[in-house]
């Protein structure tokens, strides 16, 4: 599993804490999308830890953008709370930090 729900997630408070594993690329987007879809209707706030992500490509960024767009459309919130160097570089390259709500 490339995305796991962490302790501290609670449907009562609406908070879902997620941790992404080493890859956010074309090879993992199908599994990541499925995991996002499983959680999006159960929670209202999402915190995503991406500090372990070593590889990210344009497919991974597209998936994240689609997830964040859907979260906003539903009146919910999401934020990347921790990021790896790989995530920082790709987010900067594509200029999408504001769309992905990346914490400083």
PDB file of N, CA and C in Angstrom:
ATOM      1  N   UNK A   1       0.857  -1.184   0.000  1.00  0.00           N
ATOM      2  CA  UNK A   1       0.000   0.000   0.000  1.00  0.00           C
ATOM      3  C   UNK A   1       0.892   1.233   0.000  1.00  0.00           C
ATOM      4  N   UNK A   2       0.610   2.148  -0.897  1.00  0.00           N
ATOM      5  CA  UNK A   2       1.396   3.366  -1.028  1.00  0.00           C
ATOM      6  C   UNK A   2       0.866   4.512  -0.187  1.00  0.00           C
ATOM      7  N   UNK A   3      -0.310   4.341   0.391  1.00  0.00           N
ATOM      8  CA  UNK A   3      -0.918   5.382   1.211  1.00  0.00           C
ATOM      9  C   UNK A   3      -1.589   4.711   2.401  1.00  0.00           C
ATOM     10  N   UNK A   4      -1.200   5.126   3.596  1.00  0.00           N
ATOM     11  CA  UNK A   4      -1.841   4.518   4.764  1.00  0.00           C
ATOM     12  C   UNK A   4      -2.380   5.587   5.692  1.00  0.00           C
ATOM     13  N   UNK A   5      -3.482   5.250   6.335  1.00  0.00           N
ATOM     14  CA  UNK A   5      -4.101   6.132   7.312  1.00  0.00           C
ATOM     15  C   UNK A   5      -3.371   5.949   8.630  1.00  0.00           C
ATOM     16  N   UNK A   6      -3.052   7.061   9.282  1.00  0.00           N
ATOM     17  CA  UNK A   6      -2.263   7.038  10.507  1.00  0.00           C
ATOM     18  C   UNK A   6      -3.132   7.157  11.749  1.00  0.00           C
ATOM     19  N   UNK A   7      -2.547   6.795  12.882  1.00  0.00           N
ATOM     20  CA  UNK A   7      -3.194   7.049  14.167  1.00  0.00           C
ATOM     21  C   UNK A   7      -3.450   8.539  14.259  1.00  0.00           C
ATOM     22  N   UNK A   8      -4.510   8.882  14.903  1.00  0.00           N
ATOM     23  CA  UNK A   8      -4.893  10.289  14.995  1.00  0.00           C
ATOM     24  C   UNK A   8      -5.999  10.634  14.021  1.00  0.00           C
ATOM     25  N   UNK A   9      -6.248   9.726  13.059  1.00  0.00           N
ATOM     26  CA  UNK A   9      -7.382   9.914  12.158  1.00  0.00           C
ATOM     27  C   UNK A   9      -8.651   9.572  12.919  1.00  0.00           C
ATOM     28  N   UNK A  10      -9.680  10.378  12.719  1.00  0.00           N
ATOM     29  CA  UNK A  10     -10.926  10.151  13.439  1.00  0.00           C
ATOM     30  C   UNK A  10     -12.108  10.667  12.626  1.00  0.00           C
ATOM     31  N   UNK A  11     -13.039   9.780  12.352  1.00  0.00           N
ATOM     32  CA  UNK A  11     -14.233  10.227  11.638  1.00  0.00           C
ATOM     33  C   UNK A  11     -15.074  11.149  12.508  1.00  0.00           C
ATOM     34  N   UNK A  12     -14.916  11.048  13.824  1.00  0.00           N
ATOM     35  CA  UNK A  12     -15.663  11.933  14.730  1.00  0.00           C
ATOM     36  C   UNK A  12     -15.201  13.385  14.590  1.00  0.00           C
ATOM     37  N   UNK A  13     -13.879  13.587  14.480  1.00  0.00           N
ATOM     38  CA  UNK A  13     -13.354  14.943  14.333  1.00  0.00           C
ATOM     39  C   UNK A  13     -13.246  15.349  12.865  1.00  0.00           C
ATOM     40  N   UNK A  14     -13.344  14.364  11.968  1.00  0.00           N
ATOM     41  CA  UNK A  14     -13.251  14.644  10.542  1.00  0.00           C
ATOM     42  C   UNK A  14     -11.838  14.674  10.006  1.00  0.00           C
ATOM     43  N   UNK A  15     -10.852  14.415  10.867  1.00  0.00           N
ATOM     44  CA  UNK A  15      -9.450  14.498  10.452  1.00  0.00           C
ATOM     45  C   UNK A  15      -8.943  13.154   9.962  1.00  0.00           C
ATOM     46  N   UNK A  16      -8.338  13.158   8.792  1.00  0.00           N
ATOM     47  CA  UNK A  16      -7.704  11.976   8.225  1.00  0.00           C
ATOM     48  C   UNK A  16      -6.227  12.290   8.015  1.00  0.00           C
ATOM     49  N   UNK A  17      -5.374  11.582   8.742  1.00  0.00           N
ATOM     50  CA  UNK A  17      -3.932  11.730   8.582  1.00  0.00           C
ATOM     51  C   UNK A  17      -3.437  10.598   7.699  1.00  0.00           C
ATOM     52  N   UNK A  18      -2.808  10.972   6.592  1.00  0.00           N
ATOM     53  CA  UNK A  18      -2.326   9.994   5.628  1.00  0.00           C
ATOM     54  C   UNK A  18      -0.816  10.101   5.476  1.00  0.00           C
ATOM     55  N   UNK A  19      -0.198   8.962   5.220  1.00  0.00           N
ATOM     56  CA  UNK A  19       1.239   8.933   4.957  1.00  0.00           C
ATOM     57  C   UNK A  19       1.471   8.215   3.640  1.00  0.00           C
ATOM     58  N   UNK A  20       2.189   8.888   2.739  1.00  0.00           N
ATOM     59  CA  UNK A  20       2.498   8.301   1.447  1.00  0.00           C
ATOM     60  C   UNK A  20       3.882   7.672   1.512  1.00  0.00           C
ATOM     61  N   UNK A  21       3.997   6.473   0.918  1.00  0.00           N
ATOM     62  CA  UNK A  21       5.279   5.781   0.938  1.00  0.00           C
ATOM     63  C   UNK A  21       6.219   6.330  -0.125  1.00  0.00           C
ATOM     64  N   UNK A  22       7.166   5.567  -0.540  1.00  0.00           N
ATOM     65  CA  UNK A  22       8.302   6.043  -1.313  1.00  0.00           C
ATOM     66  C   UNK A  22       8.014   6.532  -2.724  1.00  0.00           C
ATOM     67  N   UNK A  23       6.843   6.245  -3.268  1.00  0.00           N
ATOM     68  CA  UNK A  23       6.624   6.545  -4.679  1.00  0.00           C
ATOM     69  C   UNK A  23       5.275   7.216  -4.934  1.00  0.00           C
ATOM     70  N   UNK A  24       5.307   8.237  -5.769  1.00  0.00           N
ATOM     71  CA  UNK A  24       4.092   8.906  -6.237  1.00  0.00           C
ATOM     72  C   UNK A  24       4.294   9.129  -7.733  1.00  0.00           C
ATOM     73  N   UNK A  25       4.156   8.022  -8.475  1.00  0.00           N
ATOM     74  CA  UNK A  25       4.464   8.061  -9.903  1.00  0.00           C
ATOM     75  C   UNK A  25       3.436   7.278 -10.692  1.00  0.00           C
ATOM     76  N   UNK A  26       3.637   7.234 -11.977  1.00  0.00           N
ATOM     77  CA  UNK A  26       2.710   6.525 -12.854  1.00  0.00           C
ATOM     78  C   UNK A  26       2.510   5.079 -12.423  1.00  0.00           C
ATOM     79  N   UNK A  27       3.508   4.501 -11.779  1.00  0.00           N
ATOM     80  CA  UNK A  27       3.428   3.102 -11.352  1.00  0.00           C
ATOM     81  C   UNK A  27       2.565   2.910 -10.108  1.00  0.00           C
ATOM     82  N   UNK A  28       2.296   3.978  -9.384  1.00  0.00           N
ATOM     83  CA  UNK A  28       1.538   3.846  -8.141  1.00  0.00           C
ATOM     84  C   UNK A  28       0.236   4.640  -8.118  1.00  0.00           C
ATOM     85  N   UNK A  29      -0.048   5.435  -9.156  1.00  0.00           N
ATOM     86  CA  UNK A  29      -1.222   6.313  -9.086  1.00  0.00           C
ATOM     87  C   UNK A  29      -2.546   5.560  -8.994  1.00  0.00           C
ATOM     88  N   UNK A  30      -2.658   4.401  -9.604  1.00  0.00           N
ATOM     89  CA  UNK A  30      -3.920   3.652  -9.528  1.00  0.00           C
ATOM     90  C   UNK A  30      -4.214   3.264  -8.075  1.00  0.00           C
ATOM     91  N   UNK A  31      -3.221   2.742  -7.376  1.00  0.00           N
ATOM     92  CA  UNK A  31      -3.406   2.378  -5.971  1.00  0.00           C
ATOM     93  C   UNK A  31      -3.625   3.592  -5.089  1.00  0.00           C
ATOM     94  N   UNK A  32      -2.908   4.674  -5.363  1.00  0.00           N
ATOM     95  CA  UNK A  32      -3.075   5.903  -4.587  1.00  0.00           C
ATOM     96  C   UNK A  32      -4.470   6.491  -4.795  1.00  0.00           C
ATOM     97  N   UNK A  33      -4.939   6.503  -6.026  1.00  0.00           N
ATOM     98  CA  UNK A  33      -6.280   7.025  -6.310  1.00  0.00           C
ATOM     99  C   UNK A  33      -7.332   6.216  -5.559  1.00  0.00           C
ATOM    100  N   UNK A  34      -7.191   4.919  -5.585  1.00  0.00           N
ATOM    101  CA  UNK A  34      -8.129   4.055  -4.868  1.00  0.00           C
ATOM    102  C   UNK A  34      -8.136   4.371  -3.371  1.00  0.00           C
ATOM    103  N   UNK A  35      -6.952   4.559  -2.805  1.00  0.00           N
ATOM    104  CA  UNK A  35      -6.847   4.879  -1.373  1.00  0.00           C
ATOM    105  C   UNK A  35      -7.448   6.256  -1.074  1.00  0.00           C
ATOM    106  N   UNK A  36      -7.190   7.242  -1.923  1.00  0.00           N
ATOM    107  CA  UNK A  36      -7.795   8.560  -1.732  1.00  0.00           C
ATOM    108  C   UNK A  36      -9.324   8.448  -1.804  1.00  0.00           C
ATOM    109  N   UNK A  37      -9.808   7.711  -2.804  1.00  0.00           N
ATOM    110  CA  UNK A  37     -11.255   7.559  -2.973  1.00  0.00           C
ATOM    111  C   UNK A  37     -11.910   6.892  -1.768  1.00  0.00           C
ATOM    112  N   UNK A  38     -11.224   5.950  -1.147  1.00  0.00           N
ATOM    113  CA  UNK A  38     -11.752   5.256   0.035  1.00  0.00           C
ATOM    114  C   UNK A  38     -11.939   6.204   1.216  1.00  0.00           C
ATOM    115  N   UNK A  39     -11.130   7.245   1.274  1.00  0.00           N
ATOM    116  CA  UNK A  39     -11.131   8.143   2.428  1.00  0.00           C
ATOM    117  C   UNK A  39     -11.890   9.443   2.226  1.00  0.00           C
ATOM    118  N   UNK A  40     -12.055   9.888   1.003  1.00  0.00           N
ATOM    119  CA  UNK A  40     -12.566  11.239   0.764  1.00  0.00           C
ATOM    120  C   UNK A  40     -13.984  11.456   1.305  1.00  0.00           C
ATOM    121  N   UNK A  41     -14.816  10.445   1.282  1.00  0.00           N
ATOM    122  CA  UNK A  41     -16.191  10.618   1.763  1.00  0.00           C
ATOM    123  C   UNK A  41     -16.325  10.463   3.273  1.00  0.00           C
ATOM    124  N   UNK A  42     -15.300   9.929   3.922  1.00  0.00           N
ATOM    125  CA  UNK A  42     -15.368   9.642   5.355  1.00  0.00           C
ATOM    126  C   UNK A  42     -14.865  10.788   6.232  1.00  0.00           C
ATOM    127  N   UNK A  43     -14.111  11.723   5.644  1.00  0.00           N
ATOM    128  CA  UNK A  43     -13.456  12.769   6.428  1.00  0.00           C
ATOM    129  C   UNK A  43     -13.667  14.138   5.797  1.00  0.00           C
ATOM    130  N   UNK A  44     -13.413  15.185   6.589  1.00  0.00           N
ATOM    131  CA  UNK A  44     -13.556  16.551   6.074  1.00  0.00           C
ATOM    132  C   UNK A  44     -12.225  17.291   5.986  1.00  0.00           C
ATOM    133  N   UNK A  45     -11.213  16.792   6.701  1.00  0.00           N
ATOM    134  CA  UNK A  45      -9.881  17.422   6.675  1.00  0.00           C
ATOM    135  C   UNK A  45      -8.835  16.341   6.442  1.00  0.00           C
ATOM    136  N   UNK A  46      -7.858  16.665   5.607  1.00  0.00           N
ATOM    137  CA  UNK A  46      -6.812  15.705   5.270  1.00  0.00           C
ATOM    138  C   UNK A  46      -5.439  16.328   5.493  1.00  0.00           C
ATOM    139  N   UNK A  47      -4.593  15.597   6.182  1.00  0.00           N
ATOM    140  CA  UNK A  47      -3.188  15.974   6.361  1.00  0.00           C
ATOM    141  C   UNK A  47      -2.364  14.855   5.754  1.00  0.00           C
ATOM    142  N   UNK A  48      -1.524  15.199   4.787  1.00  0.00           N
ATOM    143  CA  UNK A  48      -0.760  14.194   4.067  1.00  0.00           C
ATOM    144  C   UNK A  48       0.726  14.380   4.330  1.00  0.00           C
ATOM    145  N   UNK A  49       1.338  13.355   4.896  1.00  0.00           N
ATOM    146  CA  UNK A  49       2.775  13.335   5.147  1.00  0.00           C
ATOM    147  C   UNK A  49       3.444  12.682   3.940  1.00  0.00           C
ATOM    148  N   UNK A  50       4.244  13.458   3.221  1.00  0.00           N
ATOM    149  CA  UNK A  50       4.936  12.951   2.035  1.00  0.00           C
ATOM    150  C   UNK A  50       6.448  12.966   2.224  1.00  0.00           C
ATOM    151  N   UNK A  51       6.886  12.928   3.473  1.00  0.00           N
ATOM    152  CA  UNK A  51       8.319  13.021   3.773  1.00  0.00           C
ATOM    153  C   UNK A  51       9.102  11.792   3.322  1.00  0.00           C
ATOM    154  N   UNK A  52       8.439  10.662   3.102  1.00  0.00           N
ATOM    155  CA  UNK A  52       9.134   9.442   2.681  1.00  0.00           C
ATOM    156  C   UNK A  52       9.150   9.257   1.165  1.00  0.00           C
ATOM    157  N   UNK A  53       8.515  10.162   0.438  1.00  0.00           N
ATOM    158  CA  UNK A  53       8.422  10.021  -1.021  1.00  0.00           C
ATOM    159  C   UNK A  53       9.777  10.320  -1.653  1.00  0.00           C
ATOM    160  N   UNK A  54      10.305   9.317  -2.354  1.00  0.00           N
ATOM    161  CA  UNK A  54      11.606   9.460  -3.019  1.00  0.00           C
ATOM    162  C   UNK A  54      11.466   9.710  -4.510  1.00  0.00           C
ATOM    163  N   UNK A  55      10.321   9.327  -5.068  1.00  0.00           N
ATOM    164  CA  UNK A  55      10.111   9.480  -6.509  1.00  0.00           C
ATOM    165  C   UNK A  55       8.720  10.039  -6.771  1.00  0.00           C
ATOM    166  N   UNK A  56       8.668  11.077  -7.584  1.00  0.00           N
ATOM    167  CA  UNK A  56       7.394  11.674  -7.984  1.00  0.00           C
ATOM    168  C   UNK A  56       7.530  12.128  -9.433  1.00  0.00           C
ATOM    169  N   UNK A  57       6.482  11.923 -10.197  1.00  0.00           N
ATOM    170  CA  UNK A  57       6.501  12.368 -11.585  1.00  0.00           C
ATOM    171  C   UNK A  57       5.222  13.140 -11.891  1.00  0.00           C
ATOM    172  N   UNK A  58       5.038  13.492 -13.160  1.00  0.00           N
ATOM    173  CA  UNK A  58       3.883  14.309 -13.522  1.00  0.00           C
ATOM    174  C   UNK A  58       2.561  13.583 -13.261  1.00  0.00           C
ATOM    175  N   UNK A  59       2.530  12.265 -13.386  1.00  0.00           N
ATOM    176  CA  UNK A  59       1.301  11.514 -13.092  1.00  0.00           C
ATOM    177  C   UNK A  59       0.954  11.632 -11.610  1.00  0.00           C
ATOM    178  N   UNK A  60       1.967  11.581 -10.752  1.00  0.00           N
ATOM    179  CA  UNK A  60       1.745  11.740  -9.323  1.00  0.00           C
ATOM    180  C   UNK A  60       1.232  13.132  -8.980  1.00  0.00           C
ATOM    181  N   UNK A  61       1.810  14.140  -9.616  1.00  0.00           N
ATOM    182  CA  UNK A  61       1.357  15.509  -9.382  1.00  0.00           C
ATOM    183  C   UNK A  61      -0.073  15.686  -9.888  1.00  0.00           C
ATOM    184  N   UNK A  62      -0.394  15.118 -11.036  1.00  0.00           N
ATOM    185  CA  UNK A  62      -1.762  15.207 -11.563  1.00  0.00           C
ATOM    186  C   UNK A  62      -2.760  14.575 -10.599  1.00  0.00           C
ATOM    187  N   UNK A  63      -2.394  13.440 -10.022  1.00  0.00           N
ATOM    188  CA  UNK A  63      -3.278  12.784  -9.056  1.00  0.00           C
ATOM    189  C   UNK A  63      -3.491  13.677  -7.839  1.00  0.00           C
ATOM    190  N   UNK A  64      -2.423  14.243  -7.315  1.00  0.00           N
ATOM    191  CA  UNK A  64      -2.538  15.125  -6.152  1.00  0.00           C
ATOM    192  C   UNK A  64      -3.402  16.343  -6.472  1.00  0.00           C
ATOM    193  N   UNK A  65      -3.180  16.943  -7.636  1.00  0.00           N
ATOM    194  CA  UNK A  65      -3.992  18.099  -8.034  1.00  0.00           C
ATOM    195  C   UNK A  65      -5.468  17.721  -8.136  1.00  0.00           C
ATOM    196  N   UNK A  66      -5.763  16.560  -8.696  1.00  0.00           N
ATOM    197  CA  UNK A  66      -7.156  16.120  -8.821  1.00  0.00           C
ATOM    198  C   UNK A  66      -7.769  15.880  -7.443  1.00  0.00           C
ATOM    199  N   UNK A  67      -7.008  15.267  -6.535  1.00  0.00           N
ATOM    200  CA  UNK A  67      -7.512  15.017  -5.186  1.00  0.00           C
ATOM    201  C   UNK A  67      -7.801  16.327  -4.467  1.00  0.00           C
ATOM    202  N   UNK A  68      -6.864  17.269  -4.512  1.00  0.00           N
ATOM    203  CA  UNK A  68      -7.047  18.552  -3.838  1.00  0.00           C
ATOM    204  C   UNK A  68      -8.214  19.330  -4.454  1.00  0.00           C
ATOM    205  N   UNK A  69      -8.373  19.250  -5.765  1.00  0.00           N
ATOM    206  CA  UNK A  69      -9.492  19.926  -6.422  1.00  0.00           C
ATOM    207  C   UNK A  69     -10.822  19.339  -5.954  1.00  0.00           C
ATOM    208  N   UNK A  70     -10.901  18.020  -5.868  1.00  0.00           N
ATOM    209  CA  UNK A  70     -12.141  17.374  -5.425  1.00  0.00           C
ATOM    210  C   UNK A  70     -12.421  17.683  -3.959  1.00  0.00           C
ATOM    211  N   UNK A  71     -11.400  17.701  -3.140  1.00  0.00           N
ATOM    212  CA  UNK A  71     -11.566  18.050  -1.724  1.00  0.00           C
ATOM    213  C   UNK A  71     -12.168  19.448  -1.606  1.00  0.00           C
ATOM    214  N   UNK A  72     -11.605  20.396  -2.337  1.00  0.00           N
ATOM    215  CA  UNK A  72     -12.125  21.768  -2.308  1.00  0.00           C
ATOM    216  C   UNK A  72     -13.556  21.834  -2.835  1.00  0.00           C
ATOM    217  N   UNK A  73     -13.829  21.106  -3.925  1.00  0.00           N
ATOM    218  CA  UNK A  73     -15.171  21.107  -4.507  1.00  0.00           C
ATOM    219  C   UNK A  73     -16.210  20.653  -3.487  1.00  0.00           C
ATOM    220  N   UNK A  74     -15.809  19.724  -2.618  1.00  0.00           N
ATOM    221  CA  UNK A  74     -16.710  19.210  -1.598  1.00  0.00           C
ATOM    222  C   UNK A  74     -16.738  20.074  -0.332  1.00  0.00           C
ATOM    223  N   UNK A  75     -16.011  21.184  -0.341  1.00  0.00           N
ATOM    224  CA  UNK A  75     -15.991  22.079   0.816  1.00  0.00           C
ATOM    225  C   UNK A  75     -15.148  21.555   1.960  1.00  0.00           C
ATOM    226  N   UNK A  76     -14.201  20.705   1.649  1.00  0.00           N
ATOM    227  CA  UNK A  76     -13.309  20.121   2.652  1.00  0.00           C
ATOM    228  C   UNK A  76     -11.935  20.744   2.511  1.00  0.00           C
ATOM    229  N   UNK A  77     -10.992  20.330   3.356  1.00  0.00           N
ATOM    230  CA  UNK A  77      -9.643  20.891   3.274  1.00  0.00           C
ATOM    231  C   UNK A  77      -8.597  19.784   3.276  1.00  0.00           C
ATOM    232  N   UNK A  78      -7.473  20.084   2.644  1.00  0.00           N
ATOM    233  CA  UNK A  78      -6.347  19.153   2.597  1.00  0.00           C
ATOM    234  C   UNK A  78      -5.053  19.947   2.597  1.00  0.00           C
ATOM    235  N   UNK A  79      -4.025  19.341   3.177  1.00  0.00           N
ATOM    236  CA  UNK A  79      -2.726  19.997   3.242  1.00  0.00           C
ATOM    237  C   UNK A  79      -1.634  18.945   3.250  1.00  0.00           C
ATOM    238  N   UNK A  80      -0.548  19.225   2.548  1.00  0.00           N
ATOM    239  CA  UNK A  80       0.651  18.399   2.641  1.00  0.00           C
ATOM    240  C   UNK A  80       1.436  18.956   3.819  1.00  0.00           C
ATOM    241  N   UNK A  81       1.548  18.160   4.875  1.00  0.00           N
ATOM    242  CA  UNK A  81       2.142  18.639   6.121  1.00  0.00           C
ATOM    243  C   UNK A  81       3.638  18.401   6.212  1.00  0.00           C
ATOM    244  N   UNK A  82       4.144  17.437   5.466  1.00  0.00           N
ATOM    245  CA  UNK A  82       5.580  17.161   5.450  1.00  0.00           C
ATOM    246  C   UNK A  82       5.935  16.691   4.049  1.00  0.00           C
ATOM    247  N   UNK A  83       7.076  17.131   3.566  1.00  0.00           N
ATOM    248  CA  UNK A  83       7.452  16.782   2.202  1.00  0.00           C
ATOM    249  C   UNK A  83       8.930  16.416   2.124  1.00  0.00           C
ATOM    250  N   UNK A  84       9.239  15.562   1.188  1.00  0.00           N
ATOM    251  CA  UNK A  84      10.620  15.170   0.935  1.00  0.00           C
ATOM    252  C   UNK A  84      11.256  16.166  -0.028  1.00  0.00           C
ATOM    253  N   UNK A  85      12.549  16.032  -0.251  1.00  0.00           N
ATOM    254  CA  UNK A  85      13.224  16.876  -1.241  1.00  0.00           C
ATOM    255  C   UNK A  85      12.641  16.649  -2.634  1.00  0.00           C
ATOM    256  N   UNK A  86      12.292  15.390  -2.943  1.00  0.00           N
ATOM    257  CA  UNK A  86      11.728  15.077  -4.262  1.00  0.00           C
ATOM    258  C   UNK A  86      10.409  15.818  -4.472  1.00  0.00           C
ATOM    259  N   UNK A  87       9.567  15.825  -3.468  1.00  0.00           N
ATOM    260  CA  UNK A  87       8.284  16.536  -3.560  1.00  0.00           C
ATOM    261  C   UNK A  87       8.532  18.036  -3.688  1.00  0.00           C
ATOM    262  N   UNK A  88       9.425  18.569  -2.879  1.00  0.00           N
ATOM    263  CA  UNK A  88       9.726  20.011  -2.936  1.00  0.00           C
ATOM    264  C   UNK A  88      10.175  20.427  -4.330  1.00  0.00           C
ATOM    265  N   UNK A  89      11.076  19.639  -4.927  1.00  0.00           N
ATOM    266  CA  UNK A  89      11.594  19.978  -6.255  1.00  0.00           C
ATOM    267  C   UNK A  89      10.498  19.966  -7.310  1.00  0.00           C
ATOM    268  N   UNK A  90       9.661  18.931  -7.305  1.00  0.00           N
ATOM    269  CA  UNK A  90       8.619  18.823  -8.326  1.00  0.00           C
ATOM    270  C   UNK A  90       7.551  19.897  -8.126  1.00  0.00           C
ATOM    271  N   UNK A  91       7.175  20.150  -6.896  1.00  0.00           N
ATOM    272  CA  UNK A  91       6.188  21.192  -6.608  1.00  0.00           C
ATOM    273  C   UNK A  91       6.706  22.545  -7.072  1.00  0.00           C
ATOM    274  N   UNK A  92       7.993  22.825  -6.819  1.00  0.00           N
ATOM    275  CA  UNK A  92       8.590  24.081  -7.268  1.00  0.00           C
ATOM    276  C   UNK A  92       8.682  24.139  -8.794  1.00  0.00           C
ATOM    277  N   UNK A  93       9.089  23.038  -9.409  1.00  0.00           N
ATOM    278  CA  UNK A  93       9.230  22.986 -10.867  1.00  0.00           C
ATOM    279  C   UNK A  93       7.898  23.261 -11.556  1.00  0.00           C
ATOM    280  N   UNK A  94       6.824  22.642 -11.056  1.00  0.00           N
ATOM    281  CA  UNK A  94       5.505  22.810 -11.662  1.00  0.00           C
ATOM    282  C   UNK A  94       4.767  24.031 -11.124  1.00  0.00           C
ATOM    283  N   UNK A  95       5.274  24.645 -10.059  1.00  0.00           N
ATOM    284  CA  UNK A  95       4.644  25.844  -9.495  1.00  0.00           C
ATOM    285  C   UNK A  95       3.251  25.593  -8.945  1.00  0.00           C
ATOM    286  N   UNK A  96       3.081  24.498  -8.213  1.00  0.00           N
ATOM    287  CA  UNK A  96       1.746  24.121  -7.738  1.00  0.00           C
ATOM    288  C   UNK A  96       1.616  24.126  -6.213  1.00  0.00           C
ATOM    289  N   UNK A  97       2.538  24.753  -5.521  1.00  0.00           N
ATOM    290  CA  UNK A  97       2.495  24.752  -4.059  1.00  0.00           C
ATOM    291  C   UNK A  97       1.182  25.327  -3.529  1.00  0.00           C
ATOM    292  N   UNK A  98       0.686  26.385  -4.162  1.00  0.00           N
ATOM    293  CA  UNK A  98      -0.559  27.001  -3.698  1.00  0.00           C
ATOM    294  C   UNK A  98      -1.768  26.109  -3.946  1.00  0.00           C
ATOM    295  N   UNK A  99      -1.762  25.338  -5.023  1.00  0.00           N
ATOM    296  CA  UNK A  99      -2.880  24.439  -5.320  1.00  0.00           C
ATOM    297  C   UNK A  99      -2.868  23.199  -4.442  1.00  0.00           C
ATOM    298  N   UNK A 100      -1.707  22.828  -3.954  1.00  0.00           N
ATOM    299  CA  UNK A 100      -1.582  21.639  -3.115  1.00  0.00           C
ATOM    300  C   UNK A 100      -1.536  21.952  -1.633  1.00  0.00           C
ATOM    301  N   UNK A 101      -1.625  23.219  -1.278  1.00  0.00           N
ATOM    302  CA  UNK A 101      -1.628  23.590   0.151  1.00  0.00           C
ATOM    303  C   UNK A 101      -0.445  22.937   0.872  1.00  0.00           C
ATOM    304  N   UNK A 102       0.752  23.231   0.390  1.00  0.00           N
ATOM    305  CA  UNK A 102       1.963  22.664   0.976  1.00  0.00           C
ATOM    306  C   UNK A 102       2.384  23.523   2.158  1.00  0.00           C
ATOM    307  N   UNK A 103       2.505  22.877   3.323  1.00  0.00           N
ATOM    308  CA  UNK A 103       2.951  23.593   4.520  1.00  0.00           C
ATOM    309  C   UNK A 103       4.402  24.013   4.345  1.00  0.00           C
ATOM    310  N   UNK A 104       4.737  25.139   4.914  1.00  0.00           N
ATOM    311  CA  UNK A 104       6.114  25.660   4.787  1.00  0.00           C
ATOM    312  C   UNK A 104       7.104  24.812   5.529  1.00  0.00           C
TER     313      UNK A 104
END
